[in-house]
Amino acid sequence: MVSPDNSRRYLLSKAGEYIAAGTSLVWIIDPYKQSAVVITAAGRSELSRDGVLDGADVIPGFQLRLDGLFEAP
């Protein structure tokens, strides 16, 4: 999750380290921009508020709509 103290560059670098170490899937959730970055060994994709996070092979069948995640309580 992005916090005010973490830059996008830092988080992408850290995610790259996780992927290099063998992690299959990294999600960076940005509540300020209401978006997410999905990172795998194959590359990276950006999701806007209307996107859906997918667990792929890591959490088969898991899906989470970002607009539901960012709804105000």
PDB file of N, CA and C in Angstrom:
ATOM      1  N   MET A   1       0.852  -1.170   0.000  1.00  0.00           N
ATOM      2  CA  MET A   1       0.000   0.000   0.000  1.00  0.00           C
ATOM      3  C   MET A   1       0.899   1.233   0.000  1.00  0.00           C
ATOM      4  N   VAL A   2       0.572   2.165  -0.829  1.00  0.00           N
ATOM      5  CA  VAL A   2       1.317   3.416  -0.903  1.00  0.00           C
ATOM      6  C   VAL A   2       1.014   4.248   0.342  1.00  0.00           C
ATOM      7  N   SER A   3       2.049   4.796   0.931  1.00  0.00           N
ATOM      8  CA  SER A   3       1.869   5.716   2.049  1.00  0.00           C
ATOM      9  C   SER A   3       2.545   7.034   1.684  1.00  0.00           C
ATOM     10  N   PRO A   4       2.270   8.091   2.412  1.00  0.00           N
ATOM     11  CA  PRO A   4       2.879   9.385   2.078  1.00  0.00           C
ATOM     12  C   PRO A   4       4.408   9.360   2.089  1.00  0.00           C
ATOM     13  N   ASP A   5       4.997   8.421   2.818  1.00  0.00           N
ATOM     14  CA  ASP A   5       6.456   8.355   2.917  1.00  0.00           C
ATOM     15  C   ASP A   5       7.113   7.512   1.836  1.00  0.00           C
ATOM     16  N   ASN A   6       6.327   6.810   1.022  1.00  0.00           N
ATOM     17  CA  ASN A   6       6.885   5.944  -0.017  1.00  0.00           C
ATOM     18  C   ASN A   6       6.683   6.559  -1.389  1.00  0.00           C
ATOM     19  N   SER A   7       7.770   6.703  -2.135  1.00  0.00           N
ATOM     20  CA  SER A   7       7.641   7.199  -3.502  1.00  0.00           C
ATOM     21  C   SER A   7       7.292   6.036  -4.421  1.00  0.00           C
ATOM     22  N   ARG A   8       6.682   6.352  -5.541  1.00  0.00           N
ATOM     23  CA  ARG A   8       6.346   5.334  -6.543  1.00  0.00           C
ATOM     24  C   ARG A   8       7.618   4.623  -6.996  1.00  0.00           C
ATOM     25  N   ARG A   9       8.655   5.375  -7.213  1.00  0.00           N
ATOM     26  CA  ARG A   9       9.932   4.798  -7.668  1.00  0.00           C
ATOM     27  C   ARG A   9      10.460   3.779  -6.656  1.00  0.00           C
ATOM     28  N   TYR A  10      10.395   4.128  -5.380  1.00  0.00           N
ATOM     29  CA  TYR A  10      10.850   3.221  -4.327  1.00  0.00           C
ATOM     30  C   TYR A  10      10.020   1.937  -4.331  1.00  0.00           C
ATOM     31  N   LEU A  11       8.705   2.069  -4.404  1.00  0.00           N
ATOM     32  CA  LEU A  11       7.835   0.899  -4.363  1.00  0.00           C
ATOM     33  C   LEU A  11       8.034  -0.003  -5.578  1.00  0.00           C
ATOM     34  N   LEU A  12       8.206   0.579  -6.754  1.00  0.00           N
ATOM     35  CA  LEU A  12       8.460  -0.228  -7.945  1.00  0.00           C
ATOM     36  C   LEU A  12       9.805  -0.942  -7.840  1.00  0.00           C
ATOM     37  N   SER A  13      10.797  -0.270  -7.291  1.00  0.00           N
ATOM     38  CA  SER A  13      12.106  -0.891  -7.081  1.00  0.00           C
ATOM     39  C   SER A  13      12.002  -2.056  -6.111  1.00  0.00           C
ATOM     40  N   LYS A  14      11.295  -1.847  -5.020  1.00  0.00           N
ATOM     41  CA  LYS A  14      11.114  -2.887  -4.009  1.00  0.00           C
ATOM     42  C   LYS A  14      10.353  -4.071  -4.606  1.00  0.00           C
ATOM     43  N   ALA A  15       9.321  -3.800  -5.394  1.00  0.00           N
ATOM     44  CA  ALA A  15       8.562  -4.871  -6.046  1.00  0.00           C
ATOM     45  C   ALA A  15       9.462  -5.671  -6.986  1.00  0.00           C
ATOM     46  N   GLY A  16      10.348  -4.979  -7.696  1.00  0.00           N
ATOM     47  CA  GLY A  16      11.305  -5.655  -8.575  1.00  0.00           C
ATOM     48  C   GLY A  16      12.211  -6.598  -7.797  1.00  0.00           C
ATOM     49  N   GLU A  17      12.597  -6.181  -6.590  1.00  0.00           N
ATOM     50  CA  GLU A  17      13.413  -7.051  -5.733  1.00  0.00           C
ATOM     51  C   GLU A  17      12.633  -8.303  -5.335  1.00  0.00           C
ATOM     52  N   TYR A  18      11.355  -8.130  -5.014  1.00  0.00           N
ATOM     53  CA  TYR A  18      10.524  -9.283  -4.644  1.00  0.00           C
ATOM     54  C   TYR A  18      10.391 -10.256  -5.813  1.00  0.00           C
ATOM     55  N   ILE A  19      10.157  -9.726  -7.010  1.00  0.00           N
ATOM     56  CA  ILE A  19      10.030 -10.575  -8.197  1.00  0.00           C
ATOM     57  C   ILE A  19      11.349 -11.297  -8.466  1.00  0.00           C
ATOM     58  N   ALA A  20      12.460 -10.585  -8.362  1.00  0.00           N
ATOM     59  CA  ALA A  20      13.779 -11.199  -8.578  1.00  0.00           C
ATOM     60  C   ALA A  20      14.058 -12.309  -7.565  1.00  0.00           C
ATOM     61  N   ALA A  21      13.486 -12.185  -6.378  1.00  0.00           N
ATOM     62  CA  ALA A  21      13.686 -13.188  -5.327  1.00  0.00           C
ATOM     63  C   ALA A  21      12.730 -14.375  -5.471  1.00  0.00           C
ATOM     64  N   GLY A  22      11.825 -14.317  -6.465  1.00  0.00           N
ATOM     65  CA  GLY A  22      10.943 -15.441  -6.709  1.00  0.00           C
ATOM     66  C   GLY A  22       9.475 -15.228  -6.409  1.00  0.00           C
ATOM     67  N   THR A  23       9.114 -14.048  -5.940  1.00  0.00           N
ATOM     68  CA  THR A  23       7.696 -13.751  -5.711  1.00  0.00           C
ATOM     69  C   THR A  23       6.983 -13.732  -7.058  1.00  0.00           C
ATOM     70  N   SER A  24       5.810 -14.334  -7.126  1.00  0.00           N
ATOM     71  CA  SER A  24       5.085 -14.446  -8.394  1.00  0.00           C
ATOM     72  C   SER A  24       4.247 -13.229  -8.742  1.00  0.00           C
ATOM     73  N   LEU A  25       3.750 -12.543  -7.724  1.00  0.00           N
ATOM     74  CA  LEU A  25       2.783 -11.480  -7.966  1.00  0.00           C
ATOM     75  C   LEU A  25       2.911 -10.408  -6.896  1.00  0.00           C
ATOM     76  N   VAL A  26       2.994  -9.155  -7.331  1.00  0.00           N
ATOM     77  CA  VAL A  26       3.041  -8.020  -6.401  1.00  0.00           C
ATOM     78  C   VAL A  26       1.969  -7.033  -6.829  1.00  0.00           C
ATOM     79  N   TRP A  27       1.190  -6.582  -5.872  1.00  0.00           N
ATOM     80  CA  TRP A  27       0.217  -5.510  -6.105  1.00  0.00           C
ATOM     81  C   TRP A  27       0.652  -4.295  -5.308  1.00  0.00           C
ATOM     82  N   ILE A  28       0.690  -3.151  -5.951  1.00  0.00           N
ATOM     83  CA  ILE A  28       0.921  -1.882  -5.254  1.00  0.00           C
ATOM     84  C   ILE A  28      -0.389  -1.106  -5.341  1.00  0.00           C
ATOM     85  N   ILE A  29      -1.014  -0.907  -4.202  1.00  0.00           N
ATOM     86  CA  ILE A  29      -2.307  -0.234  -4.140  1.00  0.00           C
ATOM     87  C   ILE A  29      -2.075   1.228  -3.751  1.00  0.00           C
ATOM     88  N   ASP A  30      -2.605   2.143  -4.549  1.00  0.00           N
ATOM     89  CA  ASP A  30      -2.453   3.573  -4.280  1.00  0.00           C
ATOM     90  C   ASP A  30      -3.819   4.175  -3.945  1.00  0.00           C
ATOM     91  N   PRO A  31      -4.100   4.345  -2.650  1.00  0.00           N
ATOM     92  CA  PRO A  31      -5.407   4.893  -2.270  1.00  0.00           C
ATOM     93  C   PRO A  31      -5.572   6.362  -2.655  1.00  0.00           C
ATOM     94  N   TYR A  32      -4.469   7.072  -2.835  1.00  0.00           N
ATOM     95  CA  TYR A  32      -4.541   8.488  -3.190  1.00  0.00           C
ATOM     96  C   TYR A  32      -4.978   8.667  -4.643  1.00  0.00           C
ATOM     97  N   LYS A  33      -4.431   7.835  -5.536  1.00  0.00           N
ATOM     98  CA  LYS A  33      -4.793   7.901  -6.952  1.00  0.00           C
ATOM     99  C   LYS A  33      -5.904   6.910  -7.299  1.00  0.00           C
ATOM    100  N   GLN A  34      -6.320   6.131  -6.320  1.00  0.00           N
ATOM    101  CA  GLN A  34      -7.332   5.095  -6.499  1.00  0.00           C
ATOM    102  C   GLN A  34      -6.985   4.229  -7.710  1.00  0.00           C
ATOM    103  N   SER A  35      -5.799   3.640  -7.624  1.00  0.00           N
ATOM    104  CA  SER A  35      -5.297   2.805  -8.703  1.00  0.00           C
ATOM    105  C   SER A  35      -4.410   1.706  -8.115  1.00  0.00           C
ATOM    106  N   ALA A  36      -3.951   0.819  -8.985  1.00  0.00           N
ATOM    107  CA  ALA A  36      -3.062  -0.247  -8.552  1.00  0.00           C
ATOM    108  C   ALA A  36      -2.080  -0.566  -9.676  1.00  0.00           C
ATOM    109  N   VAL A  37      -0.937  -1.101  -9.292  1.00  0.00           N
ATOM    110  CA  VAL A  37       0.045  -1.605 -10.239  1.00  0.00           C
ATOM    111  C   VAL A  37       0.180  -3.092  -9.949  1.00  0.00           C
ATOM    112  N   VAL A  38       0.102  -3.902 -10.992  1.00  0.00           N
ATOM    113  CA  VAL A  38       0.253  -5.348 -10.872  1.00  0.00           C
ATOM    114  C   VAL A  38       1.592  -5.701 -11.502  1.00  0.00           C
ATOM    115  N   ILE A  39       2.436  -6.397 -10.743  1.00  0.00           N
ATOM    116  CA  ILE A  39       3.774  -6.720 -11.216  1.00  0.00           C
ATOM    117  C   ILE A  39       3.979  -8.228 -11.133  1.00  0.00           C
ATOM    118  N   THR A  40       4.437  -8.805 -12.241  1.00  0.00           N
ATOM    119  CA  THR A  40       4.804 -10.211 -12.309  1.00  0.00           C
ATOM    120  C   THR A  40       6.157 -10.304 -13.019  1.00  0.00           C
ATOM    121  N   ALA A  41       6.689 -11.510 -13.130  1.00  0.00           N
ATOM    122  CA  ALA A  41       7.949 -11.690 -13.854  1.00  0.00           C
ATOM    123  C   ALA A  41       7.793 -11.313 -15.323  1.00  0.00           C
ATOM    124  N   ALA A  42       6.574 -11.422 -15.852  1.00  0.00           N
ATOM    125  CA  ALA A  42       6.317 -11.101 -17.261  1.00  0.00           C
ATOM    126  C   ALA A  42       6.200  -9.603 -17.525  1.00  0.00           C
ATOM    127  N   GLY A  43       6.035  -8.809 -16.488  1.00  0.00           N
ATOM    128  CA  GLY A  43       5.919  -7.373 -16.688  1.00  0.00           C
ATOM    129  C   GLY A  43       5.014  -6.704 -15.674  1.00  0.00           C
ATOM    130  N   ARG A  44       4.566  -5.531 -16.046  1.00  0.00           N
ATOM    131  CA  ARG A  44       3.768  -4.727 -15.118  1.00  0.00           C
ATOM    132  C   ARG A  44       2.592  -4.122 -15.865  1.00  0.00           C
ATOM    133  N   SER A  45       1.466  -3.990 -15.151  1.00  0.00           N
ATOM    134  CA  SER A  45       0.306  -3.329 -15.728  1.00  0.00           C
ATOM    135  C   SER A  45      -0.303  -2.395 -14.693  1.00  0.00           C
ATOM    136  N   GLU A  46      -0.957  -1.374 -15.184  1.00  0.00           N
ATOM    137  CA  GLU A  46      -1.578  -0.374 -14.334  1.00  0.00           C
ATOM    138  C   GLU A  46      -3.093  -0.556 -14.385  1.00  0.00           C
ATOM    139  N   LEU A  47      -3.717  -0.492 -13.244  1.00  0.00           N
ATOM    140  CA  LEU A  47      -5.173  -0.598 -13.169  1.00  0.00           C
ATOM    141  C   LEU A  47      -5.742   0.704 -12.612  1.00  0.00           C
ATOM    142  N   SER A  48      -6.776   1.199 -13.264  1.00  0.00           N
ATOM    143  CA  SER A  48      -7.453   2.380 -12.748  1.00  0.00           C
ATOM    144  C   SER A  48      -8.556   1.944 -11.797  1.00  0.00           C
ATOM    145  N   ARG A  49      -9.294   2.881 -11.299  1.00  0.00           N
ATOM    146  CA  ARG A  49     -10.356   2.630 -10.314  1.00  0.00           C
ATOM    147  C   ARG A  49     -11.370   1.598 -10.787  1.00  0.00           C
ATOM    148  N   ASP A  50     -11.575   1.466 -12.094  1.00  0.00           N
ATOM    149  CA  ASP A  50     -12.549   0.493 -12.595  1.00  0.00           C
ATOM    150  C   ASP A  50     -11.921  -0.864 -12.912  1.00  0.00           C
ATOM    151  N   GLY A  51     -10.654  -1.062 -12.536  1.00  0.00           N
ATOM    152  CA  GLY A  51      -9.959  -2.314 -12.777  1.00  0.00           C
ATOM    153  C   GLY A  51     -10.294  -3.383 -11.750  1.00  0.00           C
ATOM    154  N   VAL A  52      -9.806  -4.592 -12.017  1.00  0.00           N
ATOM    155  CA  VAL A  52     -10.029  -5.730 -11.141  1.00  0.00           C
ATOM    156  C   VAL A  52      -8.695  -6.404 -10.843  1.00  0.00           C
ATOM    157  N   LEU A  53      -8.378  -6.526  -9.566  1.00  0.00           N
ATOM    158  CA  LEU A  53      -7.200  -7.287  -9.174  1.00  0.00           C
ATOM    159  C   LEU A  53      -7.542  -8.761  -9.298  1.00  0.00           C
ATOM    160  N   ASP A  54      -6.629  -9.530  -9.874  1.00  0.00           N
ATOM    161  CA  ASP A  54      -6.842 -10.951 -10.089  1.00  0.00           C
ATOM    162  C   ASP A  54      -5.717 -11.717  -9.410  1.00  0.00           C
ATOM    163  N   GLY A  55      -6.071 -12.753  -8.684  1.00  0.00           N
ATOM    164  CA  GLY A  55      -5.079 -13.550  -7.960  1.00  0.00           C
ATOM    165  C   GLY A  55      -4.250 -14.463  -8.831  1.00  0.00           C
ATOM    166  N   ALA A  56      -4.614 -14.589 -10.108  1.00  0.00           N
ATOM    167  CA  ALA A  56      -3.883 -15.429 -11.067  1.00  0.00           C
ATOM    168  C   ALA A  56      -3.635 -16.814 -10.475  1.00  0.00           C
ATOM    169  N   ASP A  57      -2.431 -17.337 -10.650  1.00  0.00           N
ATOM    170  CA  ASP A  57      -2.089 -18.669 -10.125  1.00  0.00           C
ATOM    171  C   ASP A  57      -1.747 -18.628  -8.640  1.00  0.00           C
ATOM    172  N   VAL A  58      -1.536 -17.445  -8.106  1.00  0.00           N
ATOM    173  CA  VAL A  58      -1.154 -17.312  -6.697  1.00  0.00           C
ATOM    174  C   VAL A  58      -2.350 -17.541  -5.775  1.00  0.00           C
ATOM    175  N   ILE A  59      -3.477 -16.917  -6.118  1.00  0.00           N
ATOM    176  CA  ILE A  59      -4.733 -17.089  -5.373  1.00  0.00           C
ATOM    177  C   ILE A  59      -5.820 -17.375  -6.416  1.00  0.00           C
ATOM    178  N   PRO A  60      -5.871 -18.611  -6.919  1.00  0.00           N
ATOM    179  CA  PRO A  60      -6.814 -18.930  -7.990  1.00  0.00           C
ATOM    180  C   PRO A  60      -8.253 -18.562  -7.621  1.00  0.00           C
ATOM    181  N   GLY A  61      -8.909 -17.902  -8.564  1.00  0.00           N
ATOM    182  CA  GLY A  61     -10.301 -17.521  -8.373  1.00  0.00           C
ATOM    183  C   GLY A  61     -10.516 -16.205  -7.642  1.00  0.00           C
ATOM    184  N   PHE A  62      -9.466 -15.659  -7.033  1.00  0.00           N
ATOM    185  CA  PHE A  62      -9.621 -14.402  -6.298  1.00  0.00           C
ATOM    186  C   PHE A  62      -9.699 -13.236  -7.264  1.00  0.00           C
ATOM    187  N   GLN A  63     -10.702 -12.392  -7.082  1.00  0.00           N
ATOM    188  CA  GLN A  63     -10.820 -11.149  -7.835  1.00  0.00           C
ATOM    189  C   GLN A  63     -11.365 -10.069  -6.911  1.00  0.00           C
ATOM    190  N   LEU A  64     -10.842  -8.862  -7.064  1.00  0.00           N
ATOM    191  CA  LEU A  64     -11.291  -7.735  -6.249  1.00  0.00           C
ATOM    192  C   LEU A  64     -11.414  -6.506  -7.132  1.00  0.00           C
ATOM    193  N   ARG A  65     -12.619  -5.983  -7.216  1.00  0.00           N
ATOM    194  CA  ARG A  65     -12.838  -4.753  -7.977  1.00  0.00           C
ATOM    195  C   ARG A  65     -12.274  -3.580  -7.187  1.00  0.00           C
ATOM    196  N   LEU A  66     -11.460  -2.767  -7.843  1.00  0.00           N
ATOM    197  CA  LEU A  66     -10.858  -1.626  -7.160  1.00  0.00           C
ATOM    198  C   LEU A  66     -11.895  -0.592  -6.728  1.00  0.00           C
ATOM    199  N   ASP A  67     -12.941  -0.395  -7.523  1.00  0.00           N
ATOM    200  CA  ASP A  67     -13.922   0.613  -7.122  1.00  0.00           C
ATOM    201  C   ASP A  67     -14.580   0.242  -5.796  1.00  0.00           C
ATOM    202  N   GLY A  68     -14.756  -1.034  -5.527  1.00  0.00           N
ATOM    203  CA  GLY A  68     -15.286  -1.470  -4.233  1.00  0.00           C
ATOM    204  C   GLY A  68     -14.294  -1.256  -3.105  1.00  0.00           C
ATOM    205  N   LEU A  69     -13.020  -1.417  -3.420  1.00  0.00           N
ATOM    206  CA  LEU A  69     -11.969  -1.215  -2.424  1.00  0.00           C
ATOM    207  C   LEU A  69     -11.882   0.243  -2.000  1.00  0.00           C
ATOM    208  N   PHE A  70     -12.111   1.150  -2.945  1.00  0.00           N
ATOM    209  CA  PHE A  70     -11.951   2.568  -2.659  1.00  0.00           C
ATOM    210  C   PHE A  70     -13.250   3.265  -2.248  1.00  0.00           C
ATOM    211  N   GLU A  71     -14.333   2.535  -2.109  1.00  0.00           N
ATOM    212  CA  GLU A  71     -15.589   3.158  -1.674  1.00  0.00           C
ATOM    213  C   GLU A  71     -15.455   3.705  -0.267  1.00  0.00           C
ATOM    214  N   ALA A  72     -16.044   4.837  -0.045  1.00  0.00           N
ATOM    215  CA  ALA A  72     -16.046   5.417   1.303  1.00  0.00           C
ATOM    216  C   ALA A  72     -16.978   4.583   2.182  1.00  0.00           C
ATOM    217  N   PRO A  73     -16.611   4.379   3.457  1.00  0.00           N
ATOM    218  CA  PRO A  73     -17.468   3.592   4.361  1.00  0.00           C
ATOM    219  C   PRO A  73     -18.787   4.277   4.674  1.00  0.00           C
TER     220      PRO A  73
END
